[in-house]
Protein backbone atom coordinates (compact mmCIF):
# COMPACT_ATOMS: atom_id res chain seq x y z
CA MET A 1 -89.30 49.83 -60.21
CA SER A 2 -90.27 48.80 -63.74
CA GLN A 3 -87.87 45.96 -64.44
CA GLN A 4 -88.65 44.02 -67.62
CA PRO A 5 -88.13 40.29 -67.36
CA ARG A 6 -85.47 38.62 -69.40
CA ILE A 7 -87.10 35.78 -71.28
CA ASP A 8 -84.73 33.03 -72.38
CA GLY A 9 -86.88 30.42 -74.03
CA LEU A 10 -89.02 29.08 -71.22
CA VAL A 11 -87.29 30.96 -68.38
CA LEU A 12 -88.58 34.27 -67.02
CA SER A 13 -85.83 36.02 -65.10
CA PHE A 14 -86.42 38.96 -62.73
CA GLU A 15 -82.86 39.34 -61.52
CA ASP A 16 -83.35 42.59 -59.58
CA ASP A 17 -86.24 41.04 -57.67
CA GLY A 18 -84.48 37.76 -56.98
CA PHE A 19 -87.17 35.71 -58.70
CA TRP A 20 -87.16 33.23 -61.59
CA LEU A 21 -89.80 31.04 -63.24
CA ASP A 22 -88.32 28.13 -65.19
CA LEU A 23 -90.76 26.31 -67.46
CA THR A 24 -88.09 24.42 -69.40
CA GLU A 25 -89.09 20.96 -68.23
CA SER A 26 -92.79 21.73 -68.57
CA ARG A 27 -92.28 21.90 -72.33
CA VAL A 28 -95.31 24.17 -72.62
CA ALA A 29 -95.19 26.23 -75.79
CA HIS A 30 -96.00 29.93 -75.79
CA PRO A 31 -98.19 31.47 -77.06
CA PRO A 32 -100.86 28.81 -76.63
CA PRO A 33 -103.10 27.76 -79.50
CA GLU A 34 -106.59 29.10 -80.08
CA PRO A 35 -109.14 29.21 -78.54
CA LEU A 36 -107.13 29.46 -75.31
CA ALA A 37 -105.25 32.50 -76.60
CA THR A 38 -108.55 34.39 -76.75
CA ARG A 39 -109.28 33.49 -73.12
CA ILE A 40 -106.03 35.18 -72.05
CA ASP A 41 -107.40 38.60 -72.93
CA VAL A 42 -110.62 37.75 -71.10
CA ALA A 43 -108.60 36.76 -68.03
CA PHE A 44 -106.57 39.97 -68.05
CA GLU A 45 -109.71 42.08 -68.31
CA ALA A 46 -111.50 40.06 -65.61
CA MET A 47 -108.56 40.56 -63.26
CA ALA A 48 -108.41 44.28 -63.98
CA ALA A 49 -112.16 44.58 -63.33
CA LEU A 50 -111.76 42.63 -60.08
CA GLU A 51 -109.10 45.08 -58.89
CA ARG A 52 -111.36 48.00 -59.81
CA GLY A 53 -114.04 46.62 -57.49
CA ALA A 54 -116.32 44.66 -59.83
CA ILE A 55 -118.43 41.83 -58.42
CA ALA A 56 -115.94 39.02 -59.02
CA ASN A 57 -117.77 36.47 -56.84
CA PRO A 58 -121.23 36.44 -58.48
CA ASP A 59 -122.55 33.50 -56.45
CA GLU A 60 -122.22 35.52 -53.25
CA ASN A 61 -122.54 38.95 -54.91
CA ARG A 62 -119.20 40.08 -53.50
CA MET A 63 -116.17 42.04 -54.52
CA VAL A 64 -112.81 40.27 -54.22
CA GLY A 65 -110.18 42.56 -52.77
CA HIS A 66 -107.16 40.71 -51.43
CA TYR A 67 -104.90 42.64 -53.85
CA TRP A 68 -105.93 45.88 -52.13
CA LEU A 69 -104.39 44.59 -48.89
CA ARG A 70 -100.90 45.42 -50.22
CA ALA A 71 -101.99 48.34 -52.38
CA PRO A 72 -104.78 50.19 -50.52
CA LYS A 73 -104.70 53.00 -53.08
CA LEU A 74 -106.33 50.58 -55.55
CA ALA A 75 -109.38 50.00 -53.33
CA PRO A 76 -112.52 51.40 -55.01
CA SER A 77 -113.58 53.72 -52.19
CA ALA A 78 -111.99 56.08 -49.71
CA GLU A 79 -113.72 54.20 -46.90
CA LEU A 80 -112.09 50.90 -47.87
CA ARG A 81 -108.68 52.51 -48.31
CA ALA A 82 -108.91 54.09 -44.87
CA SER A 83 -110.03 50.81 -43.29
CA ILE A 84 -107.10 48.88 -44.77
CA ASP A 85 -104.58 51.55 -43.76
CA GLU A 86 -106.00 51.86 -40.26
CA THR A 87 -106.00 48.10 -39.72
CA ARG A 88 -102.38 47.82 -40.82
CA GLU A 89 -101.33 50.61 -38.46
CA ARG A 90 -103.27 49.08 -35.56
CA VAL A 91 -101.73 45.65 -36.17
CA PHE A 92 -98.17 46.93 -36.08
CA ALA A 93 -98.84 49.26 -33.14
CA PHE A 94 -100.50 46.47 -31.16
CA ALA A 95 -97.57 44.10 -31.79
CA LYS A 96 -95.15 46.78 -30.64
CA ASP A 97 -97.19 47.37 -27.50
CA VAL A 98 -97.08 43.64 -26.74
CA HIS A 99 -93.33 43.45 -27.31
CA GLU A 100 -92.66 46.47 -25.12
CA GLY A 101 -95.00 45.37 -22.34
CA ARG A 102 -97.67 48.06 -22.70
CA VAL A 103 -100.16 45.28 -23.48
CA ALA A 104 -99.35 42.70 -20.83
CA PRO A 105 -100.82 39.80 -18.83
CA PRO A 106 -102.87 40.81 -15.76
CA LYS A 107 -100.43 39.08 -13.41
CA GLY A 108 -97.46 41.00 -14.77
CA GLY A 109 -94.53 40.27 -17.04
CA ARG A 110 -94.82 40.07 -20.82
CA PHE A 111 -96.72 37.90 -23.24
CA GLU A 112 -94.15 35.28 -24.22
CA LYS A 113 -96.28 32.84 -26.18
CA LEU A 114 -98.96 33.11 -28.84
CA LEU A 115 -101.83 30.67 -29.36
CA LEU A 116 -103.62 31.16 -32.67
CA VAL A 117 -107.03 29.49 -32.91
CA GLY A 118 -108.35 29.07 -36.45
CA ILE A 119 -108.89 26.59 -39.25
CA GLY A 120 -108.34 26.49 -43.01
CA GLY A 121 -107.20 29.84 -44.34
CA SER A 122 -107.33 31.27 -40.84
CA ALA A 123 -104.50 28.93 -39.82
CA LEU A 124 -102.69 27.58 -42.90
CA GLY A 125 -101.33 30.94 -44.06
CA PRO A 126 -100.14 31.99 -40.59
CA GLN A 127 -98.56 28.55 -40.04
CA PHE A 128 -96.78 28.64 -43.41
CA VAL A 129 -95.37 32.11 -42.73
CA SER A 130 -94.52 31.34 -39.11
CA ASN A 131 -92.48 28.32 -40.13
CA ALA A 132 -90.88 30.07 -43.10
CA LEU A 133 -89.68 33.15 -41.26
CA SER A 134 -89.20 31.99 -37.65
CA LYS A 135 -86.01 33.12 -35.92
CA GLY A 136 -86.31 30.31 -33.39
CA PRO A 137 -85.37 31.46 -29.88
CA PHE A 138 -85.13 35.03 -31.17
CA ASP A 139 -88.84 35.24 -32.00
CA LYS A 140 -90.63 37.90 -29.96
CA VAL A 141 -93.25 35.36 -28.92
CA GLU A 142 -93.33 31.59 -29.38
CA PRO A 143 -96.19 30.55 -31.72
CA HIS A 144 -98.62 27.68 -31.15
CA PHE A 145 -101.73 26.71 -33.12
CA PHE A 146 -105.15 25.14 -32.61
CA ASP A 147 -106.07 24.32 -36.23
CA ASN A 148 -108.54 21.48 -35.74
CA THR A 149 -111.33 20.34 -33.44
CA ASP A 150 -109.28 17.39 -32.15
CA PRO A 151 -109.34 17.27 -28.32
CA GLN A 152 -106.05 15.36 -28.30
CA GLY A 153 -104.56 18.13 -30.42
CA PHE A 154 -105.77 20.72 -27.92
CA SER A 155 -104.19 18.76 -25.08
CA ARG A 156 -100.84 18.40 -26.83
CA VAL A 157 -100.57 22.11 -27.59
CA LEU A 158 -101.63 23.11 -24.09
CA ALA A 159 -99.06 20.70 -22.64
CA ARG A 160 -96.34 22.44 -24.66
CA ILE A 161 -97.52 25.82 -23.37
CA GLY A 162 -97.70 24.46 -19.82
CA ASP A 163 -97.31 26.94 -16.98
CA ASP A 164 -96.73 29.73 -19.49
CA ILE A 165 -100.50 29.93 -20.08
CA GLU A 166 -100.44 33.01 -17.83
CA ARG A 167 -98.13 34.70 -20.33
CA THR A 168 -99.86 33.41 -23.47
CA LEU A 169 -101.83 35.69 -25.78
CA THR A 170 -104.62 33.89 -27.66
CA VAL A 171 -105.73 35.17 -31.07
CA VAL A 172 -109.03 33.72 -32.29
CA VAL A 173 -109.57 34.02 -36.04
CA SER A 174 -112.97 33.40 -37.64
CA LYS A 175 -114.47 35.49 -40.41
CA SER A 176 -118.10 34.63 -39.70
CA GLY A 177 -117.51 33.99 -36.04
CA GLY A 178 -119.62 30.85 -36.36
CA THR A 179 -117.03 28.32 -37.55
CA LYS A 180 -117.53 25.40 -35.18
CA GLU A 181 -113.96 24.09 -35.25
CA THR A 182 -112.65 27.50 -34.23
CA ARG A 183 -115.42 27.91 -31.63
CA ASN A 184 -114.42 24.57 -30.11
CA GLY A 185 -110.76 25.56 -29.98
CA MET A 186 -111.68 28.85 -28.35
CA LEU A 187 -113.71 27.03 -25.68
CA ALA A 188 -110.81 24.62 -25.02
CA ALA A 189 -108.42 27.56 -24.63
CA GLN A 190 -110.90 29.40 -22.41
CA ARG A 191 -111.20 26.36 -20.15
CA ALA A 192 -107.40 26.11 -19.86
CA TYR A 193 -107.17 29.72 -18.68
CA GLN A 194 -110.07 29.32 -16.28
CA ALA A 195 -108.47 26.20 -14.77
CA ARG A 196 -105.62 28.48 -13.69
CA GLY A 197 -107.99 31.08 -12.29
CA LEU A 198 -107.32 33.42 -15.23
CA ASP A 199 -109.72 35.71 -17.09
CA PHE A 200 -109.70 34.54 -20.70
CA GLY A 201 -110.79 37.92 -22.04
CA ALA A 202 -107.70 39.56 -20.53
CA HIS A 203 -105.56 37.24 -22.69
CA ALA A 204 -107.65 37.19 -25.88
CA VAL A 205 -107.80 39.00 -29.23
CA ALA A 206 -110.37 38.50 -32.01
CA VAL A 207 -109.92 38.75 -35.76
CA THR A 208 -113.40 38.64 -37.27
CA GLN A 209 -116.08 40.55 -39.15
CA GLU A 210 -117.70 43.41 -37.31
CA GLY A 211 -120.95 42.31 -35.70
CA SER A 212 -120.20 38.58 -35.99
CA GLU A 213 -120.92 36.07 -33.23
CA LEU A 214 -117.23 36.13 -32.28
CA ASP A 215 -117.18 39.93 -32.35
CA ARG A 216 -120.10 40.04 -29.91
CA VAL A 217 -118.38 37.57 -27.57
CA ALA A 218 -115.19 39.66 -27.63
CA VAL A 219 -117.14 42.83 -26.79
CA ASN A 220 -119.19 41.22 -24.03
CA GLU A 221 -116.18 39.52 -22.42
CA ARG A 222 -113.98 42.62 -22.74
CA TRP A 223 -111.23 41.03 -24.83
CA ILE A 224 -108.00 43.00 -25.23
CA ALA A 225 -108.55 43.94 -28.89
CA ARG A 226 -110.55 43.21 -32.05
CA PHE A 227 -109.28 43.41 -35.63
CA PRO A 228 -111.47 43.32 -38.74
CA MET A 229 -111.99 40.82 -41.51
CA TRP A 230 -113.94 41.91 -44.56
CA ASP A 231 -116.45 40.01 -46.68
CA TRP A 232 -114.36 40.81 -49.77
CA VAL A 233 -111.38 38.77 -48.51
CA GLY A 234 -111.67 34.99 -48.56
CA GLY A 235 -109.97 32.90 -45.90
CA ARG A 236 -107.52 31.31 -48.34
CA THR A 237 -106.40 34.73 -49.58
CA SER A 238 -106.34 36.41 -46.16
CA GLU A 239 -102.68 35.99 -45.19
CA LEU A 240 -101.89 39.65 -45.86
CA SER A 241 -104.88 40.90 -43.87
CA ALA A 242 -104.96 41.02 -40.06
CA VAL A 243 -105.41 37.22 -40.23
CA GLY A 244 -101.76 36.75 -41.14
CA LEU A 245 -100.18 40.11 -40.40
CA LEU A 246 -101.14 40.10 -36.71
CA PRO A 247 -99.57 36.73 -35.74
CA ALA A 248 -96.53 37.47 -37.94
CA ALA A 249 -96.00 40.88 -36.33
CA LEU A 250 -96.50 39.44 -32.85
CA GLN A 251 -93.94 36.74 -33.58
CA GLY A 252 -91.55 39.51 -34.61
CA LEU A 253 -91.43 38.61 -38.30
CA ASP A 254 -90.97 41.30 -40.96
CA ALA A 255 -94.61 41.56 -42.00
CA LYS A 256 -94.00 44.89 -43.74
CA ALA A 257 -91.42 43.28 -46.04
CA MET A 258 -93.92 40.53 -46.78
CA LEU A 259 -96.43 43.17 -47.87
CA ASP A 260 -93.77 44.85 -50.00
CA GLY A 261 -92.91 41.57 -51.71
CA ALA A 262 -96.55 40.85 -52.48
CA ALA A 263 -97.04 44.36 -53.84
CA ARG A 264 -94.02 43.93 -56.10
CA MET A 265 -95.27 40.59 -57.42
CA ASP A 266 -98.66 42.19 -58.05
CA GLU A 267 -96.89 44.74 -60.23
CA LEU A 268 -95.10 42.02 -62.20
CA THR A 269 -98.30 40.01 -62.64
CA ARG A 270 -100.46 42.98 -63.57
CA VAL A 271 -98.65 43.32 -66.92
CA ALA A 272 -101.13 42.45 -69.68
CA ASP A 273 -98.56 40.55 -71.77
CA SER A 274 -98.81 36.81 -71.33
CA ALA A 275 -95.18 36.26 -72.38
CA LYS A 276 -93.88 38.48 -69.57
CA ASN A 277 -96.42 37.84 -66.82
CA PRO A 278 -95.21 35.04 -64.49
CA ALA A 279 -98.65 34.36 -62.98
CA MET A 280 -100.25 34.05 -66.40
CA ARG A 281 -97.42 31.81 -67.59
CA LEU A 282 -97.95 29.67 -64.52
CA ALA A 283 -101.71 29.47 -65.12
CA LEU A 284 -101.16 28.60 -68.79
CA ALA A 285 -98.69 25.88 -67.79
CA TRP A 286 -101.26 24.41 -65.39
CA HIS A 287 -103.81 24.48 -68.19
CA ALA A 288 -101.52 22.76 -70.69
CA LEU A 289 -100.25 20.16 -68.21
CA THR A 290 -103.75 19.19 -67.01
CA ASN A 291 -105.52 19.62 -70.37
CA GLY A 292 -107.57 22.30 -68.65
CA ARG A 293 -109.52 19.58 -66.85
CA GLY A 294 -107.35 18.59 -63.89
CA GLU A 295 -106.08 15.42 -65.59
CA ARG A 296 -102.78 15.68 -63.72
CA ASP A 297 -102.08 16.41 -60.07
CA MET A 298 -99.71 19.14 -58.90
CA VAL A 299 -96.89 17.78 -56.73
CA VAL A 300 -95.26 20.62 -54.78
CA LEU A 301 -91.63 20.02 -53.75
CA PRO A 302 -90.14 22.92 -51.77
CA TYR A 303 -86.39 22.44 -51.34
CA ARG A 304 -86.02 24.27 -48.04
CA ASP A 305 -87.16 23.24 -44.57
CA ARG A 306 -88.43 26.77 -44.06
CA ILE A 307 -91.07 26.38 -46.76
CA GLU A 308 -92.01 22.76 -46.17
CA LEU A 309 -95.61 23.87 -45.42
CA ALA A 310 -95.96 25.38 -48.92
CA SER A 311 -97.71 22.24 -50.16
CA ARG A 312 -100.37 22.44 -47.42
CA TYR A 313 -100.88 26.15 -47.97
CA LEU A 314 -101.16 25.72 -51.76
CA GLN A 315 -103.39 22.71 -51.33
CA GLN A 316 -106.13 24.90 -49.91
CA LEU A 317 -105.49 27.91 -52.15
CA VAL A 318 -105.57 25.86 -55.37
CA MET A 319 -108.05 23.11 -54.54
CA GLU A 320 -110.66 25.21 -52.73
CA SER A 321 -110.47 27.87 -55.44
CA LEU A 322 -110.49 25.61 -58.51
CA GLY A 323 -112.37 22.51 -57.34
CA LYS A 324 -115.83 23.35 -58.67
CA GLU A 325 -118.77 21.33 -59.97
CA LEU A 326 -120.31 24.16 -62.03
CA ASP A 327 -118.80 26.84 -64.24
CA LEU A 328 -119.98 30.44 -64.44
CA ASP A 329 -122.62 29.42 -67.00
CA LYS A 330 -123.98 26.80 -64.52
CA LYS A 331 -122.74 23.93 -66.67
CA THR A 332 -121.42 20.83 -64.92
CA VAL A 333 -117.65 20.74 -65.44
CA HIS A 334 -116.08 19.18 -62.30
CA GLN A 335 -112.96 21.34 -62.48
CA GLY A 336 -109.94 21.34 -60.21
CA ILE A 337 -106.27 20.47 -59.75
CA ALA A 338 -105.33 18.10 -56.92
CA VAL A 339 -102.28 19.27 -54.93
CA TYR A 340 -100.00 17.30 -52.66
CA GLY A 341 -96.35 17.32 -51.71
CA ASN A 342 -93.62 17.42 -49.12
CA LYS A 343 -90.17 18.92 -48.84
CA GLY A 344 -87.15 17.95 -50.91
CA SER A 345 -84.83 16.20 -50.65
CA THR A 346 -86.88 14.19 -48.17
CA ASP A 347 -89.12 13.01 -51.00
CA GLN A 348 -86.25 11.40 -52.81
CA HIS A 349 -86.50 8.82 -50.04
CA ALA A 350 -90.31 8.74 -50.22
CA TYR A 351 -92.41 8.97 -53.38
CA VAL A 352 -90.02 10.19 -56.10
CA GLN A 353 -89.65 6.51 -57.09
CA GLN A 354 -93.28 6.51 -58.21
CA LEU A 355 -93.03 9.94 -59.78
CA ARG A 356 -90.25 8.71 -62.03
CA ASP A 357 -91.38 5.16 -62.79
CA GLY A 358 -95.06 4.98 -61.87
CA VAL A 359 -98.28 6.42 -63.24
CA ASP A 360 -97.76 9.59 -65.29
CA ASN A 361 -100.65 11.51 -63.71
CA PHE A 362 -98.87 14.56 -62.24
CA PHE A 363 -96.53 17.48 -62.80
CA VAL A 364 -94.02 18.76 -60.26
CA THR A 365 -93.60 22.30 -58.97
CA PHE A 366 -90.12 22.70 -57.50
CA ILE A 367 -89.58 25.70 -55.20
CA GLU A 368 -85.99 26.59 -54.31
CA ALA A 369 -83.91 29.35 -52.73
CA LEU A 370 -80.40 30.11 -53.97
CA ASP A 371 -78.90 31.60 -50.82
CA ASP A 372 -78.11 29.01 -48.13
CA GLU A 373 -77.95 31.86 -45.58
CA GLU A 374 -75.04 30.12 -43.90
CA PRO A 375 -72.34 32.60 -42.76
CA SER A 376 -69.67 29.89 -42.46
CA PRO A 377 -70.62 26.95 -44.70
CA ILE A 378 -69.47 23.57 -43.48
CA GLU A 379 -67.80 21.48 -46.15
CA VAL A 380 -69.17 17.95 -45.92
CA GLU A 381 -66.66 16.97 -48.59
CA PRO A 382 -63.73 18.95 -50.02
CA GLY A 383 -65.29 21.97 -51.76
CA VAL A 384 -68.86 20.70 -51.25
CA THR A 385 -71.39 21.96 -48.67
CA ALA A 386 -74.70 20.52 -47.46
CA GLY A 387 -76.43 23.24 -49.50
CA ASP A 388 -74.57 22.04 -52.61
CA TYR A 389 -76.01 18.61 -51.99
CA LEU A 390 -79.52 20.03 -51.62
CA PHE A 391 -79.14 21.80 -54.97
CA GLY A 392 -77.68 18.65 -56.51
CA PHE A 393 -80.60 16.55 -55.34
CA LEU A 394 -83.09 19.03 -56.78
CA GLU A 395 -81.34 19.10 -60.16
CA GLY A 396 -80.89 15.34 -60.06
CA THR A 397 -84.56 14.76 -59.36
CA ARG A 398 -85.60 17.18 -62.09
CA ARG A 399 -83.35 15.45 -64.63
CA ALA A 400 -84.39 11.97 -63.53
CA LEU A 401 -88.02 12.94 -64.06
CA ALA A 402 -87.28 14.60 -67.41
CA THR A 403 -85.55 11.49 -68.79
CA GLN A 404 -88.83 9.63 -68.24
CA GLY A 405 -90.88 12.36 -69.90
CA ARG A 406 -92.31 13.62 -66.60
CA ARG A 407 -93.12 17.34 -66.59
CA SER A 408 -92.03 19.92 -64.03
CA LEU A 409 -91.58 23.63 -63.50
CA THR A 410 -89.28 25.43 -61.07
CA ILE A 411 -89.83 28.60 -59.05
CA THR A 412 -86.65 30.14 -57.64
CA VAL A 413 -86.16 32.94 -55.14
CA ARG A 414 -82.82 34.35 -54.09
CA ARG A 415 -83.48 33.68 -50.40
CA CYS A 416 -86.31 32.62 -48.10
CA ASP A 417 -86.93 36.02 -46.54
CA ALA A 418 -90.16 37.88 -45.82
CA ARG A 419 -90.15 39.71 -49.15
CA ALA A 420 -89.81 36.44 -51.07
CA ILE A 421 -92.61 34.80 -49.08
CA GLY A 422 -94.86 37.75 -49.92
CA MET A 423 -93.95 37.38 -53.59
CA LEU A 424 -94.80 33.67 -53.58
CA VAL A 425 -98.16 34.27 -51.89
CA ALA A 426 -99.08 36.92 -54.47
CA LEU A 427 -97.82 34.85 -57.41
CA PHE A 428 -100.01 31.87 -56.61
CA GLU A 429 -103.04 33.99 -55.71
CA ARG A 430 -103.03 35.62 -59.13
CA ALA A 431 -102.20 32.41 -60.99
CA VAL A 432 -105.27 30.82 -59.40
CA GLY A 433 -107.40 33.81 -60.46
CA PHE A 434 -106.14 33.68 -64.04
CA TYR A 435 -106.62 29.92 -64.30
CA ALA A 436 -110.19 30.18 -63.02
CA THR A 437 -111.06 32.60 -65.80
CA LEU A 438 -109.33 30.44 -68.41
CA VAL A 439 -111.67 27.58 -67.47
CA ASN A 440 -114.67 29.84 -66.71
CA ILE A 441 -115.25 29.08 -63.02
CA ASN A 442 -115.72 31.14 -59.85
CA ALA A 443 -112.51 30.86 -57.82
CA TYR A 444 -113.86 32.83 -54.88
CA HIS A 445 -116.64 30.76 -53.36
CA GLN A 446 -116.64 27.29 -51.75
CA PRO A 447 -120.05 25.61 -51.89
CA GLY A 448 -118.50 22.19 -51.23
CA VAL A 449 -117.09 23.40 -47.92
CA GLU A 450 -120.47 24.75 -46.90
CA ALA A 451 -122.06 21.43 -47.85
CA GLY A 452 -119.63 19.63 -45.55
CA LYS A 453 -120.48 21.96 -42.67
CA LYS A 454 -124.19 21.35 -43.23
CA ALA A 455 -123.68 17.58 -43.27
CA ALA A 456 -121.69 17.76 -40.01
CA ALA A 457 -124.50 19.71 -38.34
CA GLU A 458 -127.04 17.11 -39.52
CA LEU A 459 -124.87 14.30 -38.11
CA LEU A 460 -124.65 15.95 -34.70
CA ALA A 461 -128.42 16.41 -34.69
CA LEU A 462 -128.78 12.70 -35.56
CA GLN A 463 -126.47 11.81 -32.66
CA GLY A 464 -128.87 13.51 -30.27
CA ARG A 465 -131.82 11.57 -31.69
CA VAL A 466 -129.88 8.29 -31.49
CA LEU A 467 -129.18 8.86 -27.79
CA ASP A 468 -132.83 9.65 -27.13
CA ALA A 469 -133.94 6.51 -28.97
CA LEU A 470 -131.37 4.37 -27.11
CA ARG A 471 -132.67 5.64 -23.77
CA THR A 472 -136.24 4.94 -24.87
CA ALA A 473 -135.35 1.38 -25.96
CA GLY A 474 -134.09 0.53 -22.49
CA ALA A 475 -132.84 -2.97 -23.38
CA PRO A 476 -129.74 -3.66 -25.54
CA ILE A 477 -130.49 -3.02 -29.21
CA THR A 478 -128.73 -3.25 -32.58
CA PRO A 479 -128.13 -0.20 -34.81
CA SER A 480 -130.50 -1.64 -37.42
CA ALA A 481 -133.34 -2.02 -34.95
CA LEU A 482 -132.65 1.37 -33.45
CA ALA A 483 -132.63 3.02 -36.89
CA ALA A 484 -135.93 1.35 -37.78
CA SER A 485 -137.48 2.63 -34.55
CA MET A 486 -136.44 6.18 -35.40
CA SER A 487 -137.44 6.48 -39.06
CA SER A 488 -137.47 4.39 -42.20
CA ALA A 489 -135.05 6.90 -43.72
CA THR A 490 -132.46 6.61 -40.93
CA ASP A 491 -129.29 4.88 -42.12
CA ALA A 492 -128.36 1.94 -39.89
CA ALA A 493 -124.65 2.12 -40.77
CA THR A 494 -124.49 5.75 -39.68
CA VAL A 495 -126.28 4.89 -36.42
CA TRP A 496 -123.69 2.14 -35.82
CA ARG A 497 -120.78 4.54 -36.37
CA VAL A 498 -122.35 7.04 -33.94
CA LEU A 499 -122.88 4.38 -31.25
CA ARG A 500 -119.45 2.82 -31.77
CA ARG A 501 -117.75 6.17 -31.15
CA LEU A 502 -119.90 7.04 -28.12
CA ALA A 503 -119.18 3.62 -26.59
CA ALA A 504 -115.43 4.15 -27.11
CA ASN A 505 -115.72 7.33 -25.02
CA HIS A 506 -117.03 5.75 -21.83
CA GLN A 507 -117.99 9.04 -20.21
CA ARG A 508 -120.66 9.56 -22.90
CA GLY A 509 -122.99 7.02 -21.24
CA VAL A 510 -123.17 4.35 -23.98
CA GLU A 511 -121.71 0.83 -23.82
CA ARG A 512 -121.33 -2.10 -26.19
CA VAL A 513 -122.96 -5.31 -24.97
CA ASP A 514 -122.01 -7.89 -27.60
CA GLY A 515 -121.98 -8.61 -31.34
CA GLU A 516 -120.07 -7.19 -34.31
CA GLY A 517 -120.78 -4.53 -36.94
CA LEU A 518 -124.48 -3.88 -37.54
CA ASP A 519 -125.27 -6.82 -35.25
CA THR A 520 -123.57 -5.12 -32.29
CA ARG A 521 -125.92 -4.48 -29.39
CA PHE A 522 -125.63 -1.22 -27.44
CA ARG A 523 -127.36 0.14 -24.38
CA VAL A 524 -127.28 3.15 -22.09
CA LYS A 525 -124.48 2.58 -19.61
CA ARG A 526 -125.62 1.33 -16.22
């Protein structure tokens, strides 16, 4: 299908595809002035080279291939094309086998619940899609998520699963296999199965890179199945790989339609004409509205309950991709666009007051669906439905913001179905890629995330040394004195925070004696 968009001023209309991009209230002129106009051609060529298999992530010397996931024929080698096709087929066949009972719990029956263990892109995409496309009681399996390393979170989810743990399939997702949050969630799930006398491996599936730590565990423990992740797909762009397709297919969602929608949006956003390309127009709007330096935040307001998690999903996609200290020339630039949001019209009773009358440091992205998908609409007033009110609140909010000079843009889909969700995922993925080239940064690595992981590991190592020093001290001691006994470089405030937390968890063997703050005295529990 080669539909050309109708462009009415600042509105791009793709009627046949049920998609519209309305930039009217952004008031961003097109074409942009030089020198940005020159960067557009650079961005189109960079994207084309990326899709041909060029090294698009120079810091890690990697290709970037998430667009191949919905168009395997574009992959640069027969081996990659075959791997993508085979993985897709295995995902859908495995889901069918689960639904029809050919893959079943050892004690009989069918798998009725799904526990996905992951973090970041390994959980946000699947959660967004699960919520957006769920059929409620008609889902093939009921989804649950471990997306943190919070023991209380583990307990809450396991309590909801309850006795159905015997009929719960656990999918553990970790690209490297060494992500500690995911490892911790896996161990908590494993313990829950073992407490019921169940073999965890007979209920577990891995999605990871071949040869990873997780892959080796899955092989050694004889897990039910393993599905691949590739080094050319980042976590935040992995929703249309096995990471997202497997849980969606298991839940009974139309994952194939999601792939079709993404492939169609890729076609629309591959057009090397900035006037007609919705992803480029979106990236250019971001650039104009933030002065190309992140001077305004992006407030995401999805006007459907189904897509209320869009802001969380886009938060990672945009901020992890664009939040960079250095550009591609190794110059310090501190780029990025902060993203936050919640669903409309809920926000009209929350922070729209500030958006209209407070600090002008943002722009709004409205996301709406035209079709209420209500077979027999209930009139809440004569001739007016609840959906009419939802539309009215969106338009009212947009106008209220516009009267105060506050900028916004609106993305509209005909309905919140799987095809539309796929289109939205692909639209924002390419907009992020275009924007990164416009500002000359690498959108496909995340050194800040790695720095945080390193700092966490250092803190845990410090905790071990603090405990050793506390045992050696014998008598009650303050954090300052304990830090001084360890090393002149040890931070007393950090030692206090470590001891305070250990003392709050009485089973850890540390207790508070007396004092406050850095003058608190701690000792090994008697």
